[in-house]
Amino acid sequence: MGTNPRFQHLYSLGLAGQDQVNRAFGGGLPTGSIVLVEGRHGTGKSTLAGRFAYGLCEQSHSVTYLSTERGFRQFLNTMQSLSYNMQKSALRRDLLYLFGELGRDRADEQPELLSRLQASSQLWNSDVIVFDTFSDILLYDPTVESVVANSGERRIIHRLIRFFRQIIATGTTIVLFVSPSGLADQTLDPFRAIADVLLDISVTNTANNQRRVINVQRFAGMGHQVDNRIGFSIRPATGIVIEYRSVVSR
């Protein structure tokens, strides 16, 4: 009998013959962990989220992908333009894609996304859950907004963290892509504190070039050595390309 992938050491990000992403991330994402990826708008978070999901599905890991930004058809088209054929993953049922549109002006038009998600057992049955972008829920979900308005922010955050810990105890890995824009540090700090893998993406503009770097703040349970800084670019018809890997002392 084969080993249940949820109780293996890592969820491989795959595509070894196509790119160096899995190698750069130490052989994959640790099972039963919380991964927090932070970056401002335009840093490439959604592309990285899509690459994670595609590689995981290609390794036959099941993925739930929750997007607050793109409907399913737009997601498929974007991924196809990067040579990530997510349609195959969806047809194989390795991918469960959910779209929750947030950020409208009228609060009564907003879905109570977070409470509905927590109540849905099906989406938490995947090996990996990807939230793109989790910070939108914290900003715009009226369930969260009403609690924050009544000074209950700490309470709801700690309830969320308890819920996440119950999920990862089964071997599921939760990947939270967040933008710090509009969120106070006290909102994100508890998630930063409990993340097993903590990454932030920075972009430097030089002349006609953009340099994207993933700064590795923490990486518990890595398969092999993960460098402190992982440079990458996003190329049409290619996707994520690891540009360089250099060890920086901390």
C-alpha atoms as a PDB file:
ATOM      1  CA  MET A   1       0.000   0.000   0.000  1.00  0.00           C
ATOM      2  CA  GLY A   2       1.365   3.428  -0.964  1.00  0.00           C
ATOM      3  CA  THR A   3       2.040   6.168   1.549  1.00  0.00           C
ATOM      4  CA  ASN A   4      -0.743   8.708   2.003  1.00  0.00           C
ATOM      5  CA  PRO A   5       0.703  11.918   0.479  1.00  0.00           C
ATOM      6  CA  ARG A   6      -0.679  13.924   3.394  1.00  0.00           C
ATOM      7  CA  PHE A   7       1.744  12.179   5.705  1.00  0.00           C
ATOM      8  CA  GLN A   8       4.795  12.455   3.506  1.00  0.00           C
ATOM      9  CA  HIS A   9       7.405  15.079   4.274  1.00  0.00           C
ATOM     10  CA  LEU A  10       6.794  17.388   1.310  1.00  0.00           C
ATOM     11  CA  TYR A  11       4.269  18.214  -1.376  1.00  0.00           C
ATOM     12  CA  SER A  12       6.457  18.438  -4.469  1.00  0.00           C
ATOM     13  CA  LEU A  13       5.975  21.487  -6.708  1.00  0.00           C
ATOM     14  CA  GLY A  14       6.910  19.334  -9.697  1.00  0.00           C
ATOM     15  CA  LEU A  15       7.946  20.362 -13.232  1.00  0.00           C
ATOM     16  CA  ALA A  16      11.568  19.352 -12.702  1.00  0.00           C
ATOM     17  CA  GLY A  17      12.154  19.231 -16.456  1.00  0.00           C
ATOM     18  CA  GLN A  18      10.544  22.624 -17.038  1.00  0.00           C
ATOM     19  CA  ASP A  19      11.850  24.984 -14.364  1.00  0.00           C
ATOM     20  CA  GLN A  20      13.819  25.200 -11.111  1.00  0.00           C
ATOM     21  CA  VAL A  21      10.946  26.251  -8.833  1.00  0.00           C
ATOM     22  CA  ASN A  22      10.709  23.001  -6.895  1.00  0.00           C
ATOM     23  CA  ARG A  23      14.453  22.933  -6.340  1.00  0.00           C
ATOM     24  CA  ALA A  24      14.521  26.579  -5.226  1.00  0.00           C
ATOM     25  CA  PHE A  25      11.861  25.802  -2.631  1.00  0.00           C
ATOM     26  CA  GLY A  26      13.746  22.913  -1.121  1.00  0.00           C
ATOM     27  CA  GLY A  27      11.863  20.131  -2.896  1.00  0.00           C
ATOM     28  CA  GLY A  28       8.338  21.308  -2.138  1.00  0.00           C
ATOM     29  CA  LEU A  29       6.004  22.627   0.527  1.00  0.00           C
ATOM     30  CA  PRO A  30       6.106  20.903   3.931  1.00  0.00           C
ATOM     31  CA  THR A  31       2.995  18.838   4.560  1.00  0.00           C
ATOM     32  CA  GLY A  32       0.709  19.941   7.368  1.00  0.00           C
ATOM     33  CA  SER A  33       2.036  23.496   7.364  1.00  0.00           C
ATOM     34  CA  ILE A  34       0.906  27.090   7.004  1.00  0.00           C
ATOM     35  CA  VAL A  35       2.695  29.019   4.261  1.00  0.00           C
ATOM     36  CA  LEU A  36       2.392  32.818   4.207  1.00  0.00           C
ATOM     37  CA  VAL A  37       3.509  34.669   1.068  1.00  0.00           C
ATOM     38  CA  GLU A  38       3.415  38.444   1.386  1.00  0.00           C
ATOM     39  CA  GLY A  39       3.792  41.000  -1.364  1.00  0.00           C
ATOM     40  CA  ARG A  40       2.266  44.199  -2.634  1.00  0.00           C
ATOM     41  CA  HIS A  41       0.129  44.452  -5.763  1.00  0.00           C
ATOM     42  CA  GLY A  42       2.122  43.672  -8.909  1.00  0.00           C
ATOM     43  CA  THR A  43       4.866  41.652  -7.267  1.00  0.00           C
ATOM     44  CA  GLY A  44       3.771  38.391  -8.925  1.00  0.00           C
ATOM     45  CA  LYS A  45       1.854  36.726  -6.090  1.00  0.00           C
ATOM     46  CA  SER A  46      -0.947  35.412  -8.295  1.00  0.00           C
ATOM     47  CA  THR A  47       1.479  34.016 -10.869  1.00  0.00           C
ATOM     48  CA  LEU A  48       3.421  32.258  -8.121  1.00  0.00           C
ATOM     49  CA  ALA A  49       0.158  30.944  -6.660  1.00  0.00           C
ATOM     50  CA  GLY A  50      -0.812  29.567 -10.070  1.00  0.00           C
ATOM     51  CA  ARG A  51       2.607  27.971 -10.526  1.00  0.00           C
ATOM     52  CA  PHE A  52       2.350  26.300  -7.122  1.00  0.00           C
ATOM     53  CA  ALA A  53      -1.106  24.965  -7.952  1.00  0.00           C
ATOM     54  CA  TYR A  54      -0.135  23.716 -11.404  1.00  0.00           C
ATOM     55  CA  GLY A  55       2.992  21.933 -10.228  1.00  0.00           C
ATOM     56  CA  LEU A  56       1.181  20.353  -7.297  1.00  0.00           C
ATOM     57  CA  CYS A  57      -1.587  19.057  -9.561  1.00  0.00           C
ATOM     58  CA  GLU A  58       0.971  17.699 -12.022  1.00  0.00           C
ATOM     59  CA  GLN A  59       2.349  15.680  -9.112  1.00  0.00           C
ATOM     60  CA  SER A  60      -1.190  14.328  -8.510  1.00  0.00           C
ATOM     61  CA  HIS A  61      -1.663  16.350  -5.337  1.00  0.00           C
ATOM     62  CA  SER A  62      -5.182  17.684  -4.901  1.00  0.00           C
ATOM     63  CA  VAL A  63      -5.509  21.471  -4.692  1.00  0.00           C
ATOM     64  CA  THR A  64      -8.306  23.816  -3.666  1.00  0.00           C
ATOM     65  CA  TYR A  65      -7.665  27.258  -5.164  1.00  0.00           C
ATOM     66  CA  LEU A  66      -9.699  30.163  -3.857  1.00  0.00           C
ATOM     67  CA  SER A  67      -9.376  33.388  -5.855  1.00  0.00           C
ATOM     68  CA  THR A  68     -10.830  36.764  -4.908  1.00  0.00           C
ATOM     69  CA  GLU A  69      -9.618  38.294  -8.177  1.00  0.00           C
ATOM     70  CA  ARG A  70     -10.309  36.065 -11.199  1.00  0.00           C
ATOM     71  CA  GLY A  71     -13.167  33.911 -12.406  1.00  0.00           C
ATOM     72  CA  PHE A  72     -12.363  30.396 -13.553  1.00  0.00           C
ATOM     73  CA  ARG A  73     -12.210  31.148 -17.289  1.00  0.00           C
ATOM     74  CA  GLN A  74      -9.906  34.128 -16.775  1.00  0.00           C
ATOM     75  CA  PHE A  75      -7.712  32.015 -14.508  1.00  0.00           C
ATOM     76  CA  LEU A  76      -7.449  29.256 -17.128  1.00  0.00           C
ATOM     77  CA  ASN A  77      -6.570  31.748 -19.872  1.00  0.00           C
ATOM     78  CA  THR A  78      -3.928  33.460 -17.747  1.00  0.00           C
ATOM     79  CA  MET A  79      -2.327  30.173 -16.778  1.00  0.00           C
ATOM     80  CA  GLN A  80      -2.399  28.942 -20.386  1.00  0.00           C
ATOM     81  CA  SER A  81      -0.507  32.077 -21.477  1.00  0.00           C
ATOM     82  CA  LEU A  82       2.236  30.982 -19.074  1.00  0.00           C
ATOM     83  CA  SER A  83       2.236  27.376 -20.388  1.00  0.00           C
ATOM     84  CA  TYR A  84       0.414  26.116 -17.302  1.00  0.00           C
ATOM     85  CA  ASN A  85      -2.446  23.968 -18.608  1.00  0.00           C
ATOM     86  CA  MET A  86      -4.727  24.032 -15.593  1.00  0.00           C
ATOM     87  CA  GLN A  87      -7.677  22.789 -17.625  1.00  0.00           C
ATOM     88  CA  LYS A  88      -6.210  19.292 -17.519  1.00  0.00           C
ATOM     89  CA  SER A  89      -5.920  19.516 -13.751  1.00  0.00           C
ATOM     90  CA  ALA A  90      -9.554  20.558 -13.461  1.00  0.00           C
ATOM     91  CA  LEU A  91     -10.712  17.738 -15.751  1.00  0.00           C
ATOM     92  CA  ARG A  92      -8.739  15.226 -13.671  1.00  0.00           C
ATOM     93  CA  ARG A  93     -10.407  16.753 -10.591  1.00  0.00           C
ATOM     94  CA  ASP A  94      -7.046  17.444  -9.017  1.00  0.00           C
ATOM     95  CA  LEU A  95      -8.084  21.113  -8.926  1.00  0.00           C
ATOM     96  CA  LEU A  96     -11.111  22.592  -7.166  1.00  0.00           C
ATOM     97  CA  TYR A  97     -11.359  26.264  -8.165  1.00  0.00           C
ATOM     98  CA  LEU A  98     -13.528  28.712  -6.233  1.00  0.00           C
ATOM     99  CA  PHE A  99     -14.096  32.379  -7.020  1.00  0.00           C
ATOM    100  CA  GLY A 100     -15.317  34.791  -4.370  1.00  0.00           C
ATOM    101  CA  GLU A 101     -15.637  38.338  -5.662  1.00  0.00           C
ATOM    102  CA  LEU A 102     -14.958  40.939  -3.007  1.00  0.00           C
ATOM    103  CA  GLY A 103     -14.284  44.662  -2.875  1.00  0.00           C
ATOM    104  CA  ARG A 104     -17.574  46.102  -4.120  1.00  0.00           C
ATOM    105  CA  ASP A 105     -18.703  49.469  -2.823  1.00  0.00           C
ATOM    106  CA  ARG A 106     -21.963  48.231  -1.298  1.00  0.00           C
ATOM    107  CA  ALA A 107     -21.459  46.017   1.713  1.00  0.00           C
ATOM    108  CA  ASP A 108     -24.832  44.289   1.308  1.00  0.00           C
ATOM    109  CA  GLU A 109     -23.680  42.940  -2.075  1.00  0.00           C
ATOM    110  CA  GLN A 110     -20.670  41.215  -0.548  1.00  0.00           C
ATOM    111  CA  PRO A 111     -20.663  37.477   0.063  1.00  0.00           C
ATOM    112  CA  GLU A 112     -19.947  36.275   3.585  1.00  0.00           C
ATOM    113  CA  LEU A 113     -17.100  34.289   2.150  1.00  0.00           C
ATOM    114  CA  LEU A 114     -15.050  33.301   5.163  1.00  0.00           C
ATOM    115  CA  SER A 115     -17.911  31.877   7.220  1.00  0.00           C
ATOM    116  CA  ARG A 116     -19.172  29.943   4.192  1.00  0.00           C
ATOM    117  CA  LEU A 117     -15.712  28.561   3.516  1.00  0.00           C
ATOM    118  CA  GLN A 118     -15.232  27.346   7.060  1.00  0.00           C
ATOM    119  CA  ALA A 119     -18.578  25.562   6.881  1.00  0.00           C
ATOM    120  CA  SER A 120     -17.707  23.768   3.616  1.00  0.00           C
ATOM    121  CA  SER A 121     -15.969  20.494   4.402  1.00  0.00           C
ATOM    122  CA  GLN A 122     -15.334  19.595   0.743  1.00  0.00           C
ATOM    123  CA  LEU A 123     -12.846  22.346   0.017  1.00  0.00           C
ATOM    124  CA  TRP A 124     -10.680  21.441   3.038  1.00  0.00           C
ATOM    125  CA  ASN A 125     -10.271  17.837   1.867  1.00  0.00           C
ATOM    126  CA  SER A 126      -7.520  18.732  -0.628  1.00  0.00           C
ATOM    127  CA  ASP A 127      -3.825  18.185   0.030  1.00  0.00           C
ATOM    128  CA  VAL A 128      -3.100  21.905  -0.432  1.00  0.00           C
ATOM    129  CA  ILE A 129      -5.405  24.926  -0.029  1.00  0.00           C
ATOM    130  CA  VAL A 130      -4.304  28.107  -1.844  1.00  0.00           C
ATOM    131  CA  PHE A 131      -5.842  31.499  -0.953  1.00  0.00           C
ATOM    132  CA  ASP A 132      -5.232  34.161  -3.610  1.00  0.00           C
ATOM    133  CA  THR A 133      -5.656  36.658  -2.024  1.00  0.00           C
ATOM    134  CA  PHE A 134      -6.381  35.970   1.653  1.00  0.00           C
ATOM    135  CA  SER A 135      -5.931  39.598   2.708  1.00  0.00           C
ATOM    136  CA  ASP A 136      -8.931  40.584   0.535  1.00  0.00           C
ATOM    137  CA  ILE A 137     -11.137  38.477   2.789  1.00  0.00           C
ATOM    138  CA  LEU A 138      -9.778  40.187   5.869  1.00  0.00           C
ATOM    139  CA  LEU A 139     -10.402  43.568   4.240  1.00  0.00           C
ATOM    140  CA  TYR A 140     -13.771  43.139   2.552  1.00  0.00           C
ATOM    141  CA  ASP A 141     -15.720  40.162   3.872  1.00  0.00           C
ATOM    142  CA  PRO A 142     -18.650  41.727   5.799  1.00  0.00           C
ATOM    143  CA  THR A 143     -18.480  38.953   8.393  1.00  0.00           C
ATOM    144  CA  VAL A 144     -14.948  40.027   9.249  1.00  0.00           C
ATOM    145  CA  GLU A 145     -15.699  43.729   8.841  1.00  0.00           C
ATOM    146  CA  SER A 146     -18.535  43.669  11.357  1.00  0.00           C
ATOM    147  CA  VAL A 147     -16.401  41.943  13.968  1.00  0.00           C
ATOM    148  CA  VAL A 148     -13.518  44.360  13.425  1.00  0.00           C
ATOM    149  CA  ALA A 149     -15.918  47.312  13.697  1.00  0.00           C
ATOM    150  CA  ASN A 150     -16.910  46.059  17.153  1.00  0.00           C
ATOM    151  CA  SER A 151     -13.274  45.717  18.280  1.00  0.00           C
ATOM    152  CA  GLY A 152     -13.378  41.951  17.903  1.00  0.00           C
ATOM    153  CA  GLU A 153     -10.485  41.667  15.447  1.00  0.00           C
ATOM    154  CA  ARG A 154      -8.213  39.736  17.791  1.00  0.00           C
ATOM    155  CA  ARG A 155     -10.989  37.290  18.568  1.00  0.00           C
ATOM    156  CA  ILE A 156     -11.754  36.452  14.947  1.00  0.00           C
ATOM    157  CA  ILE A 157      -8.077  36.139  14.025  1.00  0.00           C
ATOM    158  CA  HIS A 158      -7.381  33.693  16.840  1.00  0.00           C
ATOM    159  CA  ARG A 159     -10.494  31.725  15.911  1.00  0.00           C
ATOM    160  CA  LEU A 160      -9.221  31.529  12.348  1.00  0.00           C
ATOM    161  CA  ILE A 161      -5.816  30.363  13.492  1.00  0.00           C
ATOM    162  CA  ARG A 162      -7.375  27.629  15.641  1.00  0.00           C
ATOM    163  CA  PHE A 163      -9.397  26.508  12.633  1.00  0.00           C
ATOM    164  CA  PHE A 164      -6.319  26.461  10.384  1.00  0.00           C
ATOM    165  CA  ARG A 165      -4.423  24.402  12.946  1.00  0.00           C
ATOM    166  CA  GLN A 166      -7.201  21.821  12.984  1.00  0.00           C
ATOM    167  CA  ILE A 167      -6.942  21.567   9.196  1.00  0.00           C
ATOM    168  CA  ILE A 168      -3.142  21.235   9.008  1.00  0.00           C
ATOM    169  CA  ALA A 169      -3.227  18.560  11.731  1.00  0.00           C
ATOM    170  CA  THR A 170      -4.684  16.250   9.045  1.00  0.00           C
ATOM    171  CA  GLY A 171      -1.639  16.811   6.798  1.00  0.00           C
ATOM    172  CA  THR A 172      -3.187  19.506   4.624  1.00  0.00           C
ATOM    173  CA  THR A 173      -1.014  22.519   3.794  1.00  0.00           C
ATOM    174  CA  ILE A 174      -2.578  25.995   3.687  1.00  0.00           C
ATOM    175  CA  VAL A 175      -0.925  28.653   1.501  1.00  0.00           C
ATOM    176  CA  LEU A 176      -1.994  32.243   2.218  1.00  0.00           C
ATOM    177  CA  PHE A 177      -1.054  34.910  -0.322  1.00  0.00           C
ATOM    178  CA  VAL A 178      -1.494  38.333   1.251  1.00  0.00           C
ATOM    179  CA  SER A 179      -0.958  41.994   0.456  1.00  0.00           C
ATOM    180  CA  PRO A 180      -0.123  44.283   3.382  1.00  0.00           C
ATOM    181  CA  SER A 181      -1.863  47.229   1.700  1.00  0.00           C
ATOM    182  CA  GLY A 182      -4.748  48.444   3.823  1.00  0.00           C
ATOM    183  CA  LEU A 183      -4.098  46.006   6.660  1.00  0.00           C
ATOM    184  CA  ALA A 184      -2.635  46.975  10.014  1.00  0.00           C
ATOM    185  CA  ASP A 185       0.382  45.040  11.265  1.00  0.00           C
ATOM    186  CA  GLN A 186      -1.644  43.731  14.196  1.00  0.00           C
ATOM    187  CA  THR A 187      -3.903  41.979  11.681  1.00  0.00           C
ATOM    188  CA  LEU A 188      -1.117  40.179   9.823  1.00  0.00           C
ATOM    189  CA  ASP A 189       1.351  39.709  12.694  1.00  0.00           C
ATOM    190  CA  PRO A 190      -0.481  36.683  14.226  1.00  0.00           C
ATOM    191  CA  PHE A 191      -0.384  34.910  10.851  1.00  0.00           C
ATOM    192  CA  ARG A 192       3.279  35.806  10.405  1.00  0.00           C
ATOM    193  CA  ALA A 193       4.009  34.426  13.864  1.00  0.00           C
ATOM    194  CA  ILE A 194       2.400  31.015  13.294  1.00  0.00           C
ATOM    195  CA  ALA A 195       3.508  30.473   9.673  1.00  0.00           C
ATOM    196  CA  ASP A 196       5.826  27.503   9.188  1.00  0.00           C
ATOM    197  CA  VAL A 197       7.007  29.049   5.925  1.00  0.00           C
ATOM    198  CA  LEU A 198       7.197  32.841   5.793  1.00  0.00           C
ATOM    199  CA  LEU A 199       8.074  34.543   2.507  1.00  0.00           C
ATOM    200  CA  ASP A 200       7.827  38.078   1.203  1.00  0.00           C
ATOM    201  CA  ILE A 201       8.213  39.250  -2.374  1.00  0.00           C
ATOM    202  CA  SER A 202       9.955  42.498  -3.248  1.00  0.00           C
ATOM    203  CA  VAL A 203      10.375  44.176  -6.634  1.00  0.00           C
ATOM    204  CA  THR A 204      13.187  46.531  -7.587  1.00  0.00           C
ATOM    205  CA  ASN A 205      12.935  48.604 -10.765  1.00  0.00           C
ATOM    206  CA  THR A 206      16.273  49.314 -12.427  1.00  0.00           C
ATOM    207  CA  ALA A 207      16.466  51.004 -15.836  1.00  0.00           C
ATOM    208  CA  ASN A 208      14.417  48.766 -18.139  1.00  0.00           C
ATOM    209  CA  ASN A 209      14.439  45.809 -15.811  1.00  0.00           C
ATOM    210  CA  GLN A 210      12.373  44.513 -12.912  1.00  0.00           C
ATOM    211  CA  ARG A 211      14.030  42.307 -10.315  1.00  0.00           C
ATOM    212  CA  ARG A 212      11.670  40.174  -8.276  1.00  0.00           C
ATOM    213  CA  VAL A 213      13.041  38.537  -5.152  1.00  0.00           C
ATOM    214  CA  ILE A 214      11.401  36.168  -2.689  1.00  0.00           C
ATOM    215  CA  ASN A 215      12.897  36.839   0.730  1.00  0.00           C
ATOM    216  CA  VAL A 216      12.792  33.704   2.858  1.00  0.00           C
ATOM    217  CA  GLN A 217      12.142  34.751   6.449  1.00  0.00           C
ATOM    218  CA  ARG A 218      11.359  31.265   7.719  1.00  0.00           C
ATOM    219  CA  PHE A 219      11.187  27.786   6.159  1.00  0.00           C
ATOM    220  CA  ALA A 220      10.514  25.046   8.696  1.00  0.00           C
ATOM    221  CA  GLY A 221      10.514  21.488   7.425  1.00  0.00           C
ATOM    222  CA  MET A 222      12.431  22.147   4.198  1.00  0.00           C
ATOM    223  CA  GLY A 223      13.573  19.168   2.171  1.00  0.00           C
ATOM    224  CA  HIS A 224      17.012  20.554   1.333  1.00  0.00           C
ATOM    225  CA  GLN A 225      18.675  23.913   1.836  1.00  0.00           C
ATOM    226  CA  VAL A 226      16.562  26.899   0.813  1.00  0.00           C
ATOM    227  CA  ASP A 227      18.480  30.093   0.146  1.00  0.00           C
ATOM    228  CA  ASN A 228      17.584  33.331   1.871  1.00  0.00           C
ATOM    229  CA  ARG A 229      16.792  35.077  -1.410  1.00  0.00           C
ATOM    230  CA  ILE A 230      15.198  33.519  -4.485  1.00  0.00           C
ATOM    231  CA  GLY A 231      15.233  35.709  -7.586  1.00  0.00           C
ATOM    232  CA  PHE A 232      12.642  35.069 -10.272  1.00  0.00           C
ATOM    233  CA  SER A 233      11.061  36.540 -13.375  1.00  0.00           C
ATOM    234  CA  ILE A 234       7.738  36.015 -15.128  1.00  0.00           C
ATOM    235  CA  ARG A 235       7.988  35.285 -18.837  1.00  0.00           C
ATOM    236  CA  PRO A 236       5.157  34.927 -21.367  1.00  0.00           C
ATOM    237  CA  ALA A 237       4.744  31.362 -22.657  1.00  0.00           C
ATOM    238  CA  THR A 238       7.223  30.217 -19.999  1.00  0.00           C
ATOM    239  CA  GLY A 239       5.924  31.210 -16.572  1.00  0.00           C
ATOM    240  CA  ILE A 240       8.062  31.484 -13.458  1.00  0.00           C
ATOM    241  CA  VAL A 241      11.798  31.414 -14.135  1.00  0.00           C
ATOM    242  CA  ILE A 242      14.268  31.241 -11.242  1.00  0.00           C
ATOM    243  CA  GLU A 243      16.914  33.819 -12.049  1.00  0.00           C
ATOM    244  CA  TYR A 244      19.444  33.303  -9.326  1.00  0.00           C
ATOM    245  CA  ARG A 245      19.862  31.825  -5.890  1.00  0.00           C
ATOM    246  CA  SER A 246      22.299  33.384  -3.455  1.00  0.00           C
ATOM    247  CA  VAL A 247      22.890  32.736   0.214  1.00  0.00           C
ATOM    248  CA  VAL A 248      22.759  35.857   2.359  1.00  0.00           C
ATOM    249  CA  SER A 249      23.770  35.719   6.006  1.00  0.00           C
ATOM    250  CA  ARG A 250      21.149  36.775   8.515  1.00  0.00           C
END
